[in-house]
């Protein structure tokens, strides 16, 4: 059957698009439940575990950024409170404004740095996930090629190039290693 998720989704779309309409209803149709459910099962099976990990990383990134924003907001509020206290003292008014602005700048800088670090972390984790998926895919392709070569070798080693009637070609993974 189909191998790619997009192809499976296209098949499901076609199934629904070509389905017979329900009498007296323009927006309802009849499809074969088992076929549709089989396509959905195949689609779910195609999604690798790494996508789940990527979602977790994105969620962690969002949490990390939210935490950085909360920390920045807390620092900003503390700076504002400190500034209000300093404004109450008439001779320290100018100094209070300067200190509050510095604290706000530090909080904003810290917030930007935390956001940047979270983005770098997620980018690196997603890159490593992509590399792992690519390596796994390459290994599957190599294993499949070795399997085909071994099956072809078994078939060619029998007289006439085919396996005797009633027997099956056997792949020996230990011999291939």
C-alpha atoms as a PDB file:
ATOM      1  CA  UNK A   1       0.000   0.000   0.000  1.00  0.00           C
ATOM      2  CA  UNK A   2       1.055   3.684   0.234  1.00  0.00           C
ATOM      3  CA  UNK A   3       4.222   4.581   2.051  1.00  0.00           C
ATOM      4  CA  UNK A   4       4.163   8.316   2.693  1.00  0.00           C
ATOM      5  CA  UNK A   5       1.878  10.205   5.047  1.00  0.00           C
ATOM      6  CA  UNK A   6       1.012  12.705   2.334  1.00  0.00           C
ATOM      7  CA  UNK A   7       0.050   9.895  -0.038  1.00  0.00           C
ATOM      8  CA  UNK A   8      -2.115   8.302   2.651  1.00  0.00           C
ATOM      9  CA  UNK A   9      -3.806  11.619   3.406  1.00  0.00           C
ATOM     10  CA  UNK A  10      -4.387  12.111  -0.339  1.00  0.00           C
ATOM     11  CA  UNK A  11      -5.971   8.656  -0.502  1.00  0.00           C
ATOM     12  CA  UNK A  12      -8.259   9.485   2.420  1.00  0.00           C
ATOM     13  CA  UNK A  13      -9.144  12.826   0.821  1.00  0.00           C
ATOM     14  CA  UNK A  14      -9.955  11.087  -2.471  1.00  0.00           C
ATOM     15  CA  UNK A  15     -12.062   8.499  -0.660  1.00  0.00           C
ATOM     16  CA  UNK A  16     -14.135  11.228   0.974  1.00  0.00           C
ATOM     17  CA  UNK A  17     -14.216  13.411  -2.143  1.00  0.00           C
ATOM     18  CA  UNK A  18     -15.457  10.545  -4.325  1.00  0.00           C
ATOM     19  CA  UNK A  19     -17.925   9.176  -1.748  1.00  0.00           C
ATOM     20  CA  UNK A  20     -21.598   8.980  -2.601  1.00  0.00           C
ATOM     21  CA  UNK A  21     -23.718  11.734  -1.143  1.00  0.00           C
ATOM     22  CA  UNK A  22     -26.445  11.055   1.381  1.00  0.00           C
ATOM     23  CA  UNK A  23     -29.898  11.686  -0.123  1.00  0.00           C
ATOM     24  CA  UNK A  24     -31.362  15.075   0.809  1.00  0.00           C
ATOM     25  CA  UNK A  25     -28.029  16.310   2.223  1.00  0.00           C
ATOM     26  CA  UNK A  26     -25.364  18.193   0.328  1.00  0.00           C
ATOM     27  CA  UNK A  27     -22.711  18.083   3.051  1.00  0.00           C
ATOM     28  CA  UNK A  28     -22.847  14.418   4.110  1.00  0.00           C
ATOM     29  CA  UNK A  29     -21.510  11.343   2.357  1.00  0.00           C
ATOM     30  CA  UNK A  30     -21.102   7.596   2.803  1.00  0.00           C
ATOM     31  CA  UNK A  31     -17.622   6.057   3.032  1.00  0.00           C
ATOM     32  CA  UNK A  32     -16.406   2.615   3.988  1.00  0.00           C
ATOM     33  CA  UNK A  33     -15.570   2.923   7.668  1.00  0.00           C
ATOM     34  CA  UNK A  34     -12.991   0.085   7.689  1.00  0.00           C
ATOM     35  CA  UNK A  35     -11.073   1.518   4.734  1.00  0.00           C
ATOM     36  CA  UNK A  36     -11.040   5.000   6.257  1.00  0.00           C
ATOM     37  CA  UNK A  37      -9.970   3.656   9.651  1.00  0.00           C
ATOM     38  CA  UNK A  38      -7.245   1.535   8.014  1.00  0.00           C
ATOM     39  CA  UNK A  39      -5.907   4.637   6.256  1.00  0.00           C
ATOM     40  CA  UNK A  40      -5.950   6.585   9.508  1.00  0.00           C
ATOM     41  CA  UNK A  41      -4.128   3.717  11.269  1.00  0.00           C
ATOM     42  CA  UNK A  42      -1.470   3.746   8.560  1.00  0.00           C
ATOM     43  CA  UNK A  43      -1.105   7.513   8.853  1.00  0.00           C
ATOM     44  CA  UNK A  44      -0.653   7.226  12.627  1.00  0.00           C
ATOM     45  CA  UNK A  45       1.891   4.443  12.153  1.00  0.00           C
ATOM     46  CA  UNK A  46       3.928   6.626   9.784  1.00  0.00           C
ATOM     47  CA  UNK A  47       4.548   9.340  12.345  1.00  0.00           C
ATOM     48  CA  UNK A  48       7.871   8.526  14.012  1.00  0.00           C
ATOM     49  CA  UNK A  49       8.490   8.728  17.703  1.00  0.00           C
ATOM     50  CA  UNK A  50      10.879  11.577  16.971  1.00  0.00           C
ATOM     51  CA  UNK A  51       7.920  13.813  16.109  1.00  0.00           C
ATOM     52  CA  UNK A  52       6.654  13.257  19.632  1.00  0.00           C
ATOM     53  CA  UNK A  53      10.087  14.183  20.935  1.00  0.00           C
ATOM     54  CA  UNK A  54      10.116  17.280  18.749  1.00  0.00           C
ATOM     55  CA  UNK A  55       6.723  18.296  20.148  1.00  0.00           C
ATOM     56  CA  UNK A  56       8.061  17.792  23.675  1.00  0.00           C
ATOM     57  CA  UNK A  57      11.071  19.977  22.837  1.00  0.00           C
ATOM     58  CA  UNK A  58       8.850  22.693  21.421  1.00  0.00           C
ATOM     59  CA  UNK A  59       6.663  22.485  24.515  1.00  0.00           C
ATOM     60  CA  UNK A  60       9.760  22.693  26.712  1.00  0.00           C
ATOM     61  CA  UNK A  61      10.938  25.700  24.689  1.00  0.00           C
ATOM     62  CA  UNK A  62       7.573  27.404  25.185  1.00  0.00           C
ATOM     63  CA  UNK A  63       7.699  26.674  28.918  1.00  0.00           C
ATOM     64  CA  UNK A  64      11.286  27.953  29.074  1.00  0.00           C
ATOM     65  CA  UNK A  65      10.357  31.197  27.306  1.00  0.00           C
ATOM     66  CA  UNK A  66       7.289  31.641  29.535  1.00  0.00           C
ATOM     67  CA  UNK A  67       9.490  31.119  32.577  1.00  0.00           C
ATOM     68  CA  UNK A  68      11.957  33.688  31.253  1.00  0.00           C
ATOM     69  CA  UNK A  69       9.104  36.148  30.704  1.00  0.00           C
ATOM     70  CA  UNK A  70       7.794  35.559  34.227  1.00  0.00           C
ATOM     71  CA  UNK A  71      11.286  36.044  35.639  1.00  0.00           C
ATOM     72  CA  UNK A  72      11.718  39.197  33.564  1.00  0.00           C
ATOM     73  CA  UNK A  73       8.336  40.499  34.708  1.00  0.00           C
ATOM     74  CA  UNK A  74       9.211  39.770  38.333  1.00  0.00           C
ATOM     75  CA  UNK A  75      12.520  41.604  37.972  1.00  0.00           C
ATOM     76  CA  UNK A  76      10.715  44.500  36.274  1.00  0.00           C
ATOM     77  CA  UNK A  77       8.126  44.681  39.067  1.00  0.00           C
ATOM     78  CA  UNK A  78      10.880  44.572  41.674  1.00  0.00           C
ATOM     79  CA  UNK A  79      12.659  47.375  39.835  1.00  0.00           C
ATOM     80  CA  UNK A  80       9.485  49.443  39.718  1.00  0.00           C
ATOM     81  CA  UNK A  81       8.850  48.910  43.430  1.00  0.00           C
ATOM     82  CA  UNK A  82      12.417  49.846  44.244  1.00  0.00           C
ATOM     83  CA  UNK A  83      12.040  52.938  42.085  1.00  0.00           C
ATOM     84  CA  UNK A  84       8.831  53.958  43.896  1.00  0.00           C
ATOM     85  CA  UNK A  85      10.567  53.634  47.239  1.00  0.00           C
ATOM     86  CA  UNK A  86      13.475  55.713  46.050  1.00  0.00           C
ATOM     87  CA  UNK A  87      11.165  58.380  44.641  1.00  0.00           C
ATOM     88  CA  UNK A  88       9.718  58.851  48.102  1.00  0.00           C
ATOM     89  CA  UNK A  89      13.073  60.137  49.194  1.00  0.00           C
ATOM     90  CA  UNK A  90      13.302  63.570  47.576  1.00  0.00           C
ATOM     91  CA  UNK A  91      17.089  63.877  47.454  1.00  0.00           C
ATOM     92  CA  UNK A  92      17.475  60.413  45.809  1.00  0.00           C
ATOM     93  CA  UNK A  93      14.864  60.882  43.036  1.00  0.00           C
ATOM     94  CA  UNK A  94      17.309  61.165  40.166  1.00  0.00           C
ATOM     95  CA  UNK A  95      19.342  58.242  41.419  1.00  0.00           C
ATOM     96  CA  UNK A  96      16.187  56.110  41.764  1.00  0.00           C
ATOM     97  CA  UNK A  97      15.167  56.705  38.163  1.00  0.00           C
ATOM     98  CA  UNK A  98      18.596  55.756  36.921  1.00  0.00           C
ATOM     99  CA  UNK A  99      18.694  52.593  39.025  1.00  0.00           C
ATOM    100  CA  UNK A 100      15.188  51.541  37.918  1.00  0.00           C
ATOM    101  CA  UNK A 101      16.074  52.007  34.269  1.00  0.00           C
ATOM    102  CA  UNK A 102      19.221  49.966  34.731  1.00  0.00           C
ATOM    103  CA  UNK A 103      17.293  47.163  36.413  1.00  0.00           C
ATOM    104  CA  UNK A 104      14.669  47.166  33.655  1.00  0.00           C
ATOM    105  CA  UNK A 105      17.425  47.054  31.036  1.00  0.00           C
ATOM    106  CA  UNK A 106      19.081  44.146  32.863  1.00  0.00           C
ATOM    107  CA  UNK A 107      15.734  42.340  33.039  1.00  0.00           C
ATOM    108  CA  UNK A 108      15.071  42.905  29.340  1.00  0.00           C
ATOM    109  CA  UNK A 109      18.610  41.813  28.448  1.00  0.00           C
ATOM    110  CA  UNK A 110      18.229  38.716  30.597  1.00  0.00           C
ATOM    111  CA  UNK A 111      14.865  37.939  29.031  1.00  0.00           C
ATOM    112  CA  UNK A 112      16.322  38.295  25.511  1.00  0.00           C
ATOM    113  CA  UNK A 113      19.289  36.094  26.459  1.00  0.00           C
ATOM    114  CA  UNK A 114      17.024  33.406  27.927  1.00  0.00           C
ATOM    115  CA  UNK A 115      14.853  33.484  24.791  1.00  0.00           C
ATOM    116  CA  UNK A 116      17.937  33.208  22.574  1.00  0.00           C
ATOM    117  CA  UNK A 117      19.303  30.300  24.639  1.00  0.00           C
ATOM    118  CA  UNK A 118      15.951  28.497  24.473  1.00  0.00           C
ATOM    119  CA  UNK A 119      15.824  28.940  20.707  1.00  0.00           C
ATOM    120  CA  UNK A 120      19.384  27.665  20.295  1.00  0.00           C
ATOM    121  CA  UNK A 121      18.677  24.676  22.521  1.00  0.00           C
ATOM    122  CA  UNK A 122      15.539  23.741  20.579  1.00  0.00           C
ATOM    123  CA  UNK A 123      17.257  24.258  17.226  1.00  0.00           C
ATOM    124  CA  UNK A 124      20.128  22.004  18.307  1.00  0.00           C
ATOM    125  CA  UNK A 125      17.802  19.335  19.669  1.00  0.00           C
ATOM    126  CA  UNK A 126      15.693  19.386  16.510  1.00  0.00           C
ATOM    127  CA  UNK A 127      18.865  19.192  14.367  1.00  0.00           C
ATOM    128  CA  UNK A 128      20.084  16.177  16.348  1.00  0.00           C
ATOM    129  CA  UNK A 129      16.660  14.547  16.032  1.00  0.00           C
ATOM    130  CA  UNK A 130      16.689  15.172  12.301  1.00  0.00           C
ATOM    131  CA  UNK A 131      20.186  13.657  12.016  1.00  0.00           C
ATOM    132  CA  UNK A 132      19.138  10.605  14.032  1.00  0.00           C
ATOM    133  CA  UNK A 133      16.077  10.077  11.858  1.00  0.00           C
ATOM    134  CA  UNK A 134      18.211  10.479   8.734  1.00  0.00           C
ATOM    135  CA  UNK A 135      20.803   7.994  10.000  1.00  0.00           C
ATOM    136  CA  UNK A 136      18.078   5.501  10.888  1.00  0.00           C
ATOM    137  CA  UNK A 137      16.531   5.936   7.458  1.00  0.00           C
ATOM    138  CA  UNK A 138      19.912   5.389   5.756  1.00  0.00           C
ATOM    139  CA  UNK A 139      20.510   2.257   7.841  1.00  0.00           C
ATOM    140  CA  UNK A 140      17.092   0.902   6.845  1.00  0.00           C
ATOM    141  CA  UNK A 141      17.914   1.505   3.177  1.00  0.00           C
ATOM    142  CA  UNK A 142      21.286  -0.268   3.554  1.00  0.00           C
ATOM    143  CA  UNK A 143      19.709  -3.209   5.389  1.00  0.00           C
ATOM    144  CA  UNK A 144      17.038  -3.503   2.740  1.00  0.00           C
ATOM    145  CA  UNK A 145      19.675  -3.500  -0.017  1.00  0.00           C
ATOM    146  CA  UNK A 146      21.669  -6.206   1.818  1.00  0.00           C
ATOM    147  CA  UNK A 147      18.495  -8.230   2.235  1.00  0.00           C
ATOM    148  CA  UNK A 148      17.647  -7.977  -1.456  1.00  0.00           C
ATOM    149  CA  UNK A 149      21.215  -8.898  -2.400  1.00  0.00           C
ATOM    150  CA  UNK A 150      21.127 -11.907  -0.078  1.00  0.00           C
ATOM    151  CA  UNK A 151      17.772 -13.077  -1.450  1.00  0.00           C
ATOM    152  CA  UNK A 152      19.045 -12.614  -5.013  1.00  0.00           C
ATOM    153  CA  UNK A 153      22.223 -14.546  -4.101  1.00  0.00           C
ATOM    154  CA  UNK A 154      20.190 -17.448  -2.706  1.00  0.00           C
ATOM    155  CA  UNK A 155      18.047 -17.571  -5.829  1.00  0.00           C
ATOM    156  CA  UNK A 156      21.077 -17.490  -8.139  1.00  0.00           C
ATOM    157  CA  UNK A 157      22.937 -20.187  -6.216  1.00  0.00           C
ATOM    158  CA  UNK A 158      20.243 -22.776  -6.934  1.00  0.00           C
ATOM    159  CA  UNK A 159      20.222 -24.549 -10.334  1.00  0.00           C
ATOM    160  CA  UNK A 160      18.386 -22.487 -12.918  1.00  0.00           C
ATOM    161  CA  UNK A 161      18.577 -19.360 -10.738  1.00  0.00           C
ATOM    162  CA  UNK A 162      15.376 -20.070  -8.862  1.00  0.00           C
ATOM    163  CA  UNK A 163      14.711 -21.761  -5.564  1.00  0.00           C
ATOM    164  CA  UNK A 164      13.527 -25.373  -5.785  1.00  0.00           C
ATOM    165  CA  UNK A 165       9.769 -25.740  -5.868  1.00  0.00           C
ATOM    166  CA  UNK A 166       8.264 -25.804  -2.383  1.00  0.00           C
ATOM    167  CA  UNK A 167      11.279 -24.071  -0.781  1.00  0.00           C
ATOM    168  CA  UNK A 168      11.673 -20.411   0.147  1.00  0.00           C
ATOM    169  CA  UNK A 169      14.719 -18.154   0.023  1.00  0.00           C
ATOM    170  CA  UNK A 170      16.035 -17.577   3.536  1.00  0.00           C
ATOM    171  CA  UNK A 171      17.940 -14.517   4.598  1.00  0.00           C
ATOM    172  CA  UNK A 172      20.732 -15.171   7.104  1.00  0.00           C
ATOM    173  CA  UNK A 173      21.318 -11.911   9.009  1.00  0.00           C
ATOM    174  CA  UNK A 174      24.297 -13.362  10.927  1.00  0.00           C
ATOM    175  CA  UNK A 175      26.076 -14.276   7.687  1.00  0.00           C
ATOM    176  CA  UNK A 176      25.481 -10.751   6.404  1.00  0.00           C
ATOM    177  CA  UNK A 177      26.990  -9.090   9.515  1.00  0.00           C
END
